[in-house]
mmCIF file of all heavy atoms, coordinates in Angstrom:
data_MODEL
# 
_entry.id   MODEL 
# 
loop_
_atom_site.group_PDB 
_atom_site.id 
_atom_site.type_symbol 
_atom_site.label_atom_id 
_atom_site.label_alt_id 
_atom_site.label_comp_id 
_atom_site.label_asym_id 
_atom_site.label_entity_id 
_atom_site.label_seq_id 
_atom_site.pdbx_PDB_ins_code 
_atom_site.Cartn_x 
_atom_site.Cartn_y 
_atom_site.Cartn_z 
_atom_site.occupancy 
_atom_site.B_iso_or_equiv 
_atom_site.pdbx_formal_charge 
_atom_site.auth_seq_id 
_atom_site.auth_comp_id 
_atom_site.auth_asym_id 
_atom_site.auth_atom_id 
_atom_site.pdbx_PDB_model_num 
ATOM 1   N N   . LYS A 1 1  ? -16.146 8.300   -11.404 1.00 0.00 ? 1  LYS A N   1 
ATOM 2   C CA  . LYS A 1 1  ? -14.699 8.211   -11.573 1.00 0.00 ? 1  LYS A CA  1 
ATOM 3   C C   . LYS A 1 1  ? -14.043 7.817   -10.249 1.00 0.00 ? 1  LYS A C   1 
ATOM 4   O O   . LYS A 1 1  ? -14.449 8.272   -9.191  1.00 0.00 ? 1  LYS A O   1 
ATOM 5   C CB  . LYS A 1 1  ? -14.132 9.554   -12.037 1.00 0.00 ? 1  LYS A CB  1 
ATOM 6   C CG  . LYS A 1 1  ? -14.572 9.962   -13.444 1.00 0.00 ? 1  LYS A CG  1 
ATOM 7   C CD  . LYS A 1 1  ? -13.963 11.285  -13.834 1.00 0.00 ? 1  LYS A CD  1 
ATOM 8   C CE  . LYS A 1 1  ? -14.377 11.663  -15.258 1.00 0.00 ? 1  LYS A CE  1 
ATOM 9   N NZ  . LYS A 1 1  ? -13.805 12.965  -15.677 1.00 0.00 ? 1  LYS A NZ  1 
ATOM 10  N N   . GLN A 1 2  ? -13.033 6.964   -10.356 1.00 0.00 ? 2  GLN A N   1 
ATOM 11  C CA  . GLN A 1 2  ? -12.290 6.585   -9.156  1.00 0.00 ? 2  GLN A CA  1 
ATOM 12  C C   . GLN A 1 2  ? -10.796 6.753   -9.439  1.00 0.00 ? 2  GLN A C   1 
ATOM 13  O O   . GLN A 1 2  ? -10.217 6.052   -10.263 1.00 0.00 ? 2  GLN A O   1 
ATOM 14  C CB  . GLN A 1 2  ? -12.597 5.148   -8.753  1.00 0.00 ? 2  GLN A CB  1 
ATOM 15  C CG  . GLN A 1 2  ? -11.995 4.772   -7.416  1.00 0.00 ? 2  GLN A CG  1 
ATOM 16  C CD  . GLN A 1 2  ? -12.936 3.949   -6.550  1.00 0.00 ? 2  GLN A CD  1 
ATOM 17  O OE1 . GLN A 1 2  ? -14.130 3.957   -6.767  1.00 0.00 ? 2  GLN A OE1 1 
ATOM 18  N NE2 . GLN A 1 2  ? -12.411 3.256   -5.579  1.00 0.00 ? 2  GLN A NE2 1 
ATOM 19  N N   . TYR A 1 3  ? -10.192 7.712   -8.750  1.00 0.00 ? 3  TYR A N   1 
ATOM 20  C CA  . TYR A 1 3  ? -8.766  7.978   -8.892  1.00 0.00 ? 3  TYR A CA  1 
ATOM 21  C C   . TYR A 1 3  ? -8.015  7.081   -7.908  1.00 0.00 ? 3  TYR A C   1 
ATOM 22  O O   . TYR A 1 3  ? -8.304  7.084   -6.718  1.00 0.00 ? 3  TYR A O   1 
ATOM 23  C CB  . TYR A 1 3  ? -8.476  9.454   -8.596  1.00 0.00 ? 3  TYR A CB  1 
ATOM 24  C CG  . TYR A 1 3  ? -9.158  10.401  -9.548  1.00 0.00 ? 3  TYR A CG  1 
ATOM 25  C CD1 . TYR A 1 3  ? -10.473 10.812  -9.330  1.00 0.00 ? 3  TYR A CD1 1 
ATOM 26  C CD2 . TYR A 1 3  ? -8.506  10.872  -10.680 1.00 0.00 ? 3  TYR A CD2 1 
ATOM 27  C CE1 . TYR A 1 3  ? -11.119 11.671  -10.206 1.00 0.00 ? 3  TYR A CE1 1 
ATOM 28  C CE2 . TYR A 1 3  ? -9.137  11.736  -11.567 1.00 0.00 ? 3  TYR A CE2 1 
ATOM 29  C CZ  . TYR A 1 3  ? -10.447 12.132  -11.325 1.00 0.00 ? 3  TYR A CZ  1 
ATOM 30  O OH  . TYR A 1 3  ? -11.077 12.984  -12.208 1.00 0.00 ? 3  TYR A OH  1 
ATOM 31  N N   . VAL A 1 4  ? -7.062  6.301   -8.425  1.00 0.00 ? 4  VAL A N   1 
ATOM 32  C CA  . VAL A 1 4  ? -6.399  5.290   -7.584  1.00 0.00 ? 4  VAL A CA  1 
ATOM 33  C C   . VAL A 1 4  ? -4.887  5.420   -7.721  1.00 0.00 ? 4  VAL A C   1 
ATOM 34  O O   . VAL A 1 4  ? -4.355  5.482   -8.841  1.00 0.00 ? 4  VAL A O   1 
ATOM 35  C CB  . VAL A 1 4  ? -6.836  3.868   -7.985  1.00 0.00 ? 4  VAL A CB  1 
ATOM 36  C CG1 . VAL A 1 4  ? -6.237  2.838   -7.023  1.00 0.00 ? 4  VAL A CG1 1 
ATOM 37  C CG2 . VAL A 1 4  ? -8.357  3.747   -8.015  1.00 0.00 ? 4  VAL A CG2 1 
ATOM 38  N N   . ASP A 1 5  ? -4.194  5.428   -6.582  1.00 0.00 ? 5  ASP A N   1 
ATOM 39  C CA  . ASP A 1 5  ? -2.741  5.558   -6.647  1.00 0.00 ? 5  ASP A CA  1 
ATOM 40  C C   . ASP A 1 5  ? -2.058  4.210   -6.900  1.00 0.00 ? 5  ASP A C   1 
ATOM 41  O O   . ASP A 1 5  ? -2.669  3.145   -6.793  1.00 0.00 ? 5  ASP A O   1 
ATOM 42  C CB  . ASP A 1 5  ? -2.173  6.277   -5.420  1.00 0.00 ? 5  ASP A CB  1 
ATOM 43  C CG  . ASP A 1 5  ? -2.207  5.461   -4.136  1.00 0.00 ? 5  ASP A CG  1 
ATOM 44  O OD1 . ASP A 1 5  ? -2.516  4.267   -4.176  1.00 0.00 ? 5  ASP A OD1 1 
ATOM 45  O OD2 . ASP A 1 5  ? -1.910  6.050   -3.070  1.00 0.00 ? 5  ASP A OD2 1 
ATOM 46  N N   . ASN A 1 6  ? -0.786  4.283   -7.245  1.00 0.00 ? 6  ASN A N   1 
ATOM 47  C CA  . ASN A 1 6  ? -0.032  3.086   -7.614  1.00 0.00 ? 6  ASN A CA  1 
ATOM 48  C C   . ASN A 1 6  ? 0.081   2.081   -6.472  1.00 0.00 ? 6  ASN A C   1 
ATOM 49  O O   . ASN A 1 6  ? 0.078   0.871   -6.688  1.00 0.00 ? 6  ASN A O   1 
ATOM 50  C CB  . ASN A 1 6  ? 1.377   3.476   -8.081  1.00 0.00 ? 6  ASN A CB  1 
ATOM 51  C CG  . ASN A 1 6  ? 1.367   4.207   -9.406  1.00 0.00 ? 6  ASN A CG  1 
ATOM 52  O OD1 . ASN A 1 6  ? 0.403   4.136   -10.164 1.00 0.00 ? 6  ASN A OD1 1 
ATOM 53  N ND2 . ASN A 1 6  ? 2.446   4.924   -9.691  1.00 0.00 ? 6  ASN A ND2 1 
ATOM 54  N N   . ASP A 1 7  ? 0.203   2.583   -5.265  1.00 0.00 ? 7  ASP A N   1 
ATOM 55  C CA  . ASP A 1 7  ? 0.362   1.726   -4.093  1.00 0.00 ? 7  ASP A CA  1 
ATOM 56  C C   . ASP A 1 7  ? -0.844  0.810   -3.922  1.00 0.00 ? 7  ASP A C   1 
ATOM 57  O O   . ASP A 1 7  ? -0.702  -0.393  -3.699  1.00 0.00 ? 7  ASP A O   1 
ATOM 58  C CB  . ASP A 1 7  ? 0.568   2.588   -2.847  1.00 0.00 ? 7  ASP A CB  1 
ATOM 59  C CG  . ASP A 1 7  ? 0.779   1.757   -1.594  1.00 0.00 ? 7  ASP A CG  1 
ATOM 60  O OD1 . ASP A 1 7  ? 1.743   0.967   -1.563  1.00 0.00 ? 7  ASP A OD1 1 
ATOM 61  O OD2 . ASP A 1 7  ? -0.021  1.874   -0.657  1.00 0.00 ? 7  ASP A OD2 1 
ATOM 62  N N   . VAL A 1 8  ? -2.026  1.363   -4.037  1.00 0.00 ? 8  VAL A N   1 
ATOM 63  C CA  . VAL A 1 8  ? -3.248  0.567   -3.898  1.00 0.00 ? 8  VAL A CA  1 
ATOM 64  C C   . VAL A 1 8  ? -3.359  -0.434  -5.040  1.00 0.00 ? 8  VAL A C   1 
ATOM 65  O O   . VAL A 1 8  ? -3.697  -1.613  -4.833  1.00 0.00 ? 8  VAL A O   1 
ATOM 66  C CB  . VAL A 1 8  ? -4.492  1.476   -3.854  1.00 0.00 ? 8  VAL A CB  1 
ATOM 67  C CG1 . VAL A 1 8  ? -5.778  0.645   -3.956  1.00 0.00 ? 8  VAL A CG1 1 
ATOM 68  C CG2 . VAL A 1 8  ? -4.499  2.297   -2.572  1.00 0.00 ? 8  VAL A CG2 1 
ATOM 69  N N   . LEU A 1 9  ? -3.046  -0.012  -6.250  1.00 0.00 ? 9  LEU A N   1 
ATOM 70  C CA  . LEU A 1 9  ? -3.163  -0.900  -7.409  1.00 0.00 ? 9  LEU A CA  1 
ATOM 71  C C   . LEU A 1 9  ? -2.247  -2.114  -7.289  1.00 0.00 ? 9  LEU A C   1 
ATOM 72  O O   . LEU A 1 9  ? -2.668  -3.243  -7.550  1.00 0.00 ? 9  LEU A O   1 
ATOM 73  C CB  . LEU A 1 9  ? -2.842  -0.135  -8.697  1.00 0.00 ? 9  LEU A CB  1 
ATOM 74  C CG  . LEU A 1 9  ? -3.874  0.878   -9.179  1.00 0.00 ? 9  LEU A CG  1 
ATOM 75  C CD1 . LEU A 1 9  ? -3.372  1.590   -10.427 1.00 0.00 ? 9  LEU A CD1 1 
ATOM 76  C CD2 . LEU A 1 9  ? -5.208  0.196   -9.467  1.00 0.00 ? 9  LEU A CD2 1 
ATOM 77  N N   . ILE A 1 10 ? -0.997  -1.898  -6.913  1.00 0.00 ? 10 ILE A N   1 
ATOM 78  C CA  . ILE A 1 10 ? -0.063  -3.027  -6.851  1.00 0.00 ? 10 ILE A CA  1 
ATOM 79  C C   . ILE A 1 10 ? -0.436  -3.979  -5.724  1.00 0.00 ? 10 ILE A C   1 
ATOM 80  O O   . ILE A 1 10 ? -0.286  -5.212  -5.849  1.00 0.00 ? 10 ILE A O   1 
ATOM 81  C CB  . ILE A 1 10 ? 1.401   -2.536  -6.722  1.00 0.00 ? 10 ILE A CB  1 
ATOM 82  C CG1 . ILE A 1 10 ? 2.384   -3.681  -6.998  1.00 0.00 ? 10 ILE A CG1 1 
ATOM 83  C CG2 . ILE A 1 10 ? 1.669   -1.908  -5.378  1.00 0.00 ? 10 ILE A CG2 1 
ATOM 84  C CD1 . ILE A 1 10 ? 2.400   -4.162  -8.430  1.00 0.00 ? 10 ILE A CD1 1 
ATOM 85  N N   . LYS A 1 11 ? -0.949  -3.458  -4.622  1.00 0.00 ? 11 LYS A N   1 
ATOM 86  C CA  . LYS A 1 11 ? -1.360  -4.321  -3.520  1.00 0.00 ? 11 LYS A CA  1 
ATOM 87  C C   . LYS A 1 11 ? -2.572  -5.160  -3.898  1.00 0.00 ? 11 LYS A C   1 
ATOM 88  O O   . LYS A 1 11 ? -2.639  -6.355  -3.583  1.00 0.00 ? 11 LYS A O   1 
ATOM 89  C CB  . LYS A 1 11 ? -1.637  -3.493  -2.264  1.00 0.00 ? 11 LYS A CB  1 
ATOM 90  C CG  . LYS A 1 11 ? -0.363  -2.951  -1.620  1.00 0.00 ? 11 LYS A CG  1 
ATOM 91  C CD  . LYS A 1 11 ? -0.645  -2.099  -0.397  1.00 0.00 ? 11 LYS A CD  1 
ATOM 92  C CE  . LYS A 1 11 ? 0.654   -1.611  0.231   1.00 0.00 ? 11 LYS A CE  1 
ATOM 93  N NZ  . LYS A 1 11 ? 0.430   -0.749  1.417   1.00 0.00 ? 11 LYS A NZ  1 
ATOM 94  N N   . LEU A 1 12 ? -3.529  -4.566  -4.576  1.00 0.00 ? 12 LEU A N   1 
ATOM 95  C CA  . LEU A 1 12 ? -4.688  -5.337  -5.046  1.00 0.00 ? 12 LEU A CA  1 
ATOM 96  C C   . LEU A 1 12 ? -4.259  -6.365  -6.087  1.00 0.00 ? 12 LEU A C   1 
ATOM 97  O O   . LEU A 1 12 ? -4.774  -7.485  -6.116  1.00 0.00 ? 12 LEU A O   1 
ATOM 98  C CB  . LEU A 1 12 ? -5.741  -4.400  -5.632  1.00 0.00 ? 12 LEU A CB  1 
ATOM 99  C CG  . LEU A 1 12 ? -6.471  -3.492  -4.637  1.00 0.00 ? 12 LEU A CG  1 
ATOM 100 C CD1 . LEU A 1 12 ? -7.397  -2.526  -5.385  1.00 0.00 ? 12 LEU A CD1 1 
ATOM 101 C CD2 . LEU A 1 12 ? -7.284  -4.325  -3.634  1.00 0.00 ? 12 LEU A CD2 1 
ATOM 102 N N   . ALA A 1 13 ? -3.311  -5.989  -6.942  1.00 0.00 ? 13 ALA A N   1 
ATOM 103 C CA  . ALA A 1 13 ? -2.813  -6.917  -7.957  1.00 0.00 ? 13 ALA A CA  1 
ATOM 104 C C   . ALA A 1 13 ? -2.110  -8.102  -7.312  1.00 0.00 ? 13 ALA A C   1 
ATOM 105 O O   . ALA A 1 13 ? -2.223  -9.240  -7.778  1.00 0.00 ? 13 ALA A O   1 
ATOM 106 C CB  . ALA A 1 13 ? -1.848  -6.195  -8.904  1.00 0.00 ? 13 ALA A CB  1 
ATOM 107 N N   . SER A 1 14 ? -1.399  -7.863  -6.216  1.00 0.00 ? 14 SER A N   1 
ATOM 108 C CA  . SER A 1 14 ? -0.666  -8.947  -5.557  1.00 0.00 ? 14 SER A CA  1 
ATOM 109 C C   . SER A 1 14 ? -1.617  -10.015 -5.033  1.00 0.00 ? 14 SER A C   1 
ATOM 110 O O   . SER A 1 14 ? -1.282  -11.201 -5.011  1.00 0.00 ? 14 SER A O   1 
ATOM 111 C CB  . SER A 1 14 ? 0.197   -8.395  -4.418  1.00 0.00 ? 14 SER A CB  1 
ATOM 112 O OG  . SER A 1 14 ? -0.593  -7.976  -3.317  1.00 0.00 ? 14 SER A OG  1 
ATOM 113 N N   . ALA A 1 15 ? -2.808  -9.601  -4.617  1.00 0.00 ? 15 ALA A N   1 
ATOM 114 C CA  . ALA A 1 15 ? -3.810  -10.552 -4.115  1.00 0.00 ? 15 ALA A CA  1 
ATOM 115 C C   . ALA A 1 15 ? -4.792  -10.960 -5.207  1.00 0.00 ? 15 ALA A C   1 
ATOM 116 O O   . ALA A 1 15 ? -5.765  -11.683 -4.927  1.00 0.00 ? 15 ALA A O   1 
ATOM 117 C CB  . ALA A 1 15 ? -4.576  -9.934  -2.948  1.00 0.00 ? 15 ALA A CB  1 
ATOM 118 N N   . ASP A 1 16 ? -4.549  -10.517 -6.430  1.00 0.00 ? 16 ASP A N   1 
ATOM 119 C CA  . ASP A 1 16 ? -5.427  -10.807 -7.569  1.00 0.00 ? 16 ASP A CA  1 
ATOM 120 C C   . ASP A 1 16 ? -6.873  -10.389 -7.259  1.00 0.00 ? 16 ASP A C   1 
ATOM 121 O O   . ASP A 1 16 ? -7.827  -11.133 -7.501  1.00 0.00 ? 16 ASP A O   1 
ATOM 122 C CB  . ASP A 1 16 ? -5.371  -12.305 -7.924  1.00 0.00 ? 16 ASP A CB  1 
ATOM 123 C CG  . ASP A 1 16 ? -5.899  -12.589 -9.328  1.00 0.00 ? 16 ASP A CG  1 
ATOM 124 O OD1 . ASP A 1 16 ? -6.144  -11.622 -10.085 1.00 0.00 ? 16 ASP A OD1 1 
ATOM 125 O OD2 . ASP A 1 16 ? -6.081  -13.782 -9.658  1.00 0.00 ? 16 ASP A OD2 1 
ATOM 126 N N   . LEU A 1 17 ? -7.004  -9.173  -6.734  1.00 0.00 ? 17 LEU A N   1 
ATOM 127 C CA  . LEU A 1 17 ? -8.314  -8.658  -6.343  1.00 0.00 ? 17 LEU A CA  1 
ATOM 128 C C   . LEU A 1 17 ? -8.756  -7.449  -7.176  1.00 0.00 ? 17 LEU A C   1 
ATOM 129 O O   . LEU A 1 17 ? -9.714  -6.766  -6.809  1.00 0.00 ? 17 LEU A O   1 
ATOM 130 C CB  . LEU A 1 17 ? -8.307  -8.262  -4.859  1.00 0.00 ? 17 LEU A CB  1 
ATOM 131 C CG  . LEU A 1 17 ? -8.271  -9.406  -3.847  1.00 0.00 ? 17 LEU A CG  1 
ATOM 132 C CD1 . LEU A 1 17 ? -8.045  -8.859  -2.444  1.00 0.00 ? 17 LEU A CD1 1 
ATOM 133 C CD2 . LEU A 1 17 ? -9.553  -10.234 -3.903  1.00 0.00 ? 17 LEU A CD2 1 
ATOM 134 N N   . LEU A 1 18 ? -8.093  -7.199  -8.282  1.00 0.00 ? 18 LEU A N   1 
ATOM 135 C CA  . LEU A 1 18 ? -8.445  -6.042  -9.095  1.00 0.00 ? 18 LEU A CA  1 
ATOM 136 C C   . LEU A 1 18 ? -9.831  -6.174  -9.718  1.00 0.00 ? 18 LEU A C   1 
ATOM 137 O O   . LEU A 1 18 ? -10.611 -5.209  -9.734  1.00 0.00 ? 18 LEU A O   1 
ATOM 138 C CB  . LEU A 1 18 ? -7.390  -5.818  -10.187 1.00 0.00 ? 18 LEU A CB  1 
ATOM 139 C CG  . LEU A 1 18 ? -6.063  -5.243  -9.678  1.00 0.00 ? 18 LEU A CG  1 
ATOM 140 C CD1 . LEU A 1 18 ? -4.981  -5.357  -10.747 1.00 0.00 ? 18 LEU A CD1 1 
ATOM 141 C CD2 . LEU A 1 18 ? -6.230  -3.789  -9.243  1.00 0.00 ? 18 LEU A CD2 1 
ATOM 142 N N   . SER A 1 19 ? -10.168 -7.359  -10.199 1.00 0.00 ? 19 SER A N   1 
ATOM 143 C CA  . SER A 1 19 ? -11.513 -7.566  -10.768 1.00 0.00 ? 19 SER A CA  1 
ATOM 144 C C   . SER A 1 19 ? -12.570 -7.442  -9.681  1.00 0.00 ? 19 SER A C   1 
ATOM 145 O O   . SER A 1 19 ? -13.645 -6.859  -9.901  1.00 0.00 ? 19 SER A O   1 
ATOM 146 C CB  . SER A 1 19 ? -11.607 -8.942  -11.439 1.00 0.00 ? 19 SER A CB  1 
ATOM 147 O OG  . SER A 1 19 ? -10.752 -9.020  -12.557 1.00 0.00 ? 19 SER A OG  1 
ATOM 148 N N   . ASP A 1 20 ? -12.267 -7.969  -8.501  1.00 0.00 ? 20 ASP A N   1 
ATOM 149 C CA  . ASP A 1 20 ? -13.190 -7.858  -7.367  1.00 0.00 ? 20 ASP A CA  1 
ATOM 150 C C   . ASP A 1 20 ? -13.382 -6.392  -6.968  1.00 0.00 ? 20 ASP A C   1 
ATOM 151 O O   . ASP A 1 20 ? -14.472 -5.990  -6.562  1.00 0.00 ? 20 ASP A O   1 
ATOM 152 C CB  . ASP A 1 20 ? -12.657 -8.645  -6.173  1.00 0.00 ? 20 ASP A CB  1 
ATOM 153 C CG  . ASP A 1 20 ? -12.497 -10.122 -6.473  1.00 0.00 ? 20 ASP A CG  1 
ATOM 154 O OD1 . ASP A 1 20 ? -11.459 -10.485 -7.051  1.00 0.00 ? 20 ASP A OD1 1 
ATOM 155 O OD2 . ASP A 1 20 ? -13.393 -10.899 -6.143  1.00 0.00 ? 20 ASP A OD2 1 
ATOM 156 N N   . PHE A 1 21 ? -12.314 -5.615  -7.087  1.00 0.00 ? 21 PHE A N   1 
ATOM 157 C CA  . PHE A 1 21 ? -12.370 -4.192  -6.787  1.00 0.00 ? 21 PHE A CA  1 
ATOM 158 C C   . PHE A 1 21 ? -13.381 -3.487  -7.688  1.00 0.00 ? 21 PHE A C   1 
ATOM 159 O O   . PHE A 1 21 ? -14.207 -2.683  -7.220  1.00 0.00 ? 21 PHE A O   1 
ATOM 160 C CB  . PHE A 1 21 ? -10.977 -3.594  -6.964  1.00 0.00 ? 21 PHE A CB  1 
ATOM 161 C CG  . PHE A 1 21 ? -10.907 -2.098  -6.925  1.00 0.00 ? 21 PHE A CG  1 
ATOM 162 C CD1 . PHE A 1 21 ? -11.081 -1.416  -5.732  1.00 0.00 ? 21 PHE A CD1 1 
ATOM 163 C CD2 . PHE A 1 21 ? -10.658 -1.365  -8.080  1.00 0.00 ? 21 PHE A CD2 1 
ATOM 164 C CE1 . PHE A 1 21 ? -11.018 -0.020  -5.689  1.00 0.00 ? 21 PHE A CE1 1 
ATOM 165 C CE2 . PHE A 1 21 ? -10.588 0.010   -8.049  1.00 0.00 ? 21 PHE A CE2 1 
ATOM 166 C CZ  . PHE A 1 21 ? -10.771 0.692   -6.848  1.00 0.00 ? 21 PHE A CZ  1 
ATOM 167 N N   . LEU A 1 22 ? -13.343 -3.800  -8.967  1.00 0.00 ? 22 LEU A N   1 
ATOM 168 C CA  . LEU A 1 22 ? -14.293 -3.201  -9.909  1.00 0.00 ? 22 LEU A CA  1 
ATOM 169 C C   . LEU A 1 22 ? -15.733 -3.561  -9.551  1.00 0.00 ? 22 LEU A C   1 
ATOM 170 O O   . LEU A 1 22 ? -16.621 -2.703  -9.540  1.00 0.00 ? 22 LEU A O   1 
ATOM 171 C CB  . LEU A 1 22 ? -13.979 -3.657  -11.333 1.00 0.00 ? 22 LEU A CB  1 
ATOM 172 C CG  . LEU A 1 22 ? -12.636 -3.243  -11.923 1.00 0.00 ? 22 LEU A CG  1 
ATOM 173 C CD1 . LEU A 1 22 ? -12.451 -3.852  -13.308 1.00 0.00 ? 22 LEU A CD1 1 
ATOM 174 C CD2 . LEU A 1 22 ? -12.514 -1.725  -11.994 1.00 0.00 ? 22 LEU A CD2 1 
ATOM 175 N N   . VAL A 1 23 ? -15.944 -4.827  -9.254  1.00 0.00 ? 23 VAL A N   1 
ATOM 176 C CA  . VAL A 1 23 ? -17.295 -5.291  -8.902  1.00 0.00 ? 23 VAL A CA  1 
ATOM 177 C C   . VAL A 1 23 ? -17.765 -4.653  -7.599  1.00 0.00 ? 23 VAL A C   1 
ATOM 178 O O   . VAL A 1 23 ? -18.918 -4.212  -7.484  1.00 0.00 ? 23 VAL A O   1 
ATOM 179 C CB  . VAL A 1 23 ? -17.315 -6.826  -8.781  1.00 0.00 ? 23 VAL A CB  1 
ATOM 180 C CG1 . VAL A 1 23 ? -18.673 -7.304  -8.260  1.00 0.00 ? 23 VAL A CG1 1 
ATOM 181 C CG2 . VAL A 1 23 ? -17.015 -7.471  -10.130 1.00 0.00 ? 23 VAL A CG2 1 
ATOM 182 N N   . ALA A 1 24 ? -16.883 -4.595  -6.625  1.00 0.00 ? 24 ALA A N   1 
ATOM 183 C CA  . ALA A 1 24 ? -17.247 -4.063  -5.303  1.00 0.00 ? 24 ALA A CA  1 
ATOM 184 C C   . ALA A 1 24 ? -17.699 -2.617  -5.367  1.00 0.00 ? 24 ALA A C   1 
ATOM 185 O O   . ALA A 1 24 ? -18.548 -2.187  -4.573  1.00 0.00 ? 24 ALA A O   1 
ATOM 186 C CB  . ALA A 1 24 ? -16.070 -4.202  -4.348  1.00 0.00 ? 24 ALA A CB  1 
# 
């Protein structure tokens, strides 16, 4: 499980790195 706050999510979304985050 990975608990993630809103700040990190929106920043990753801005760089379109959310899918990369899952893979990483």
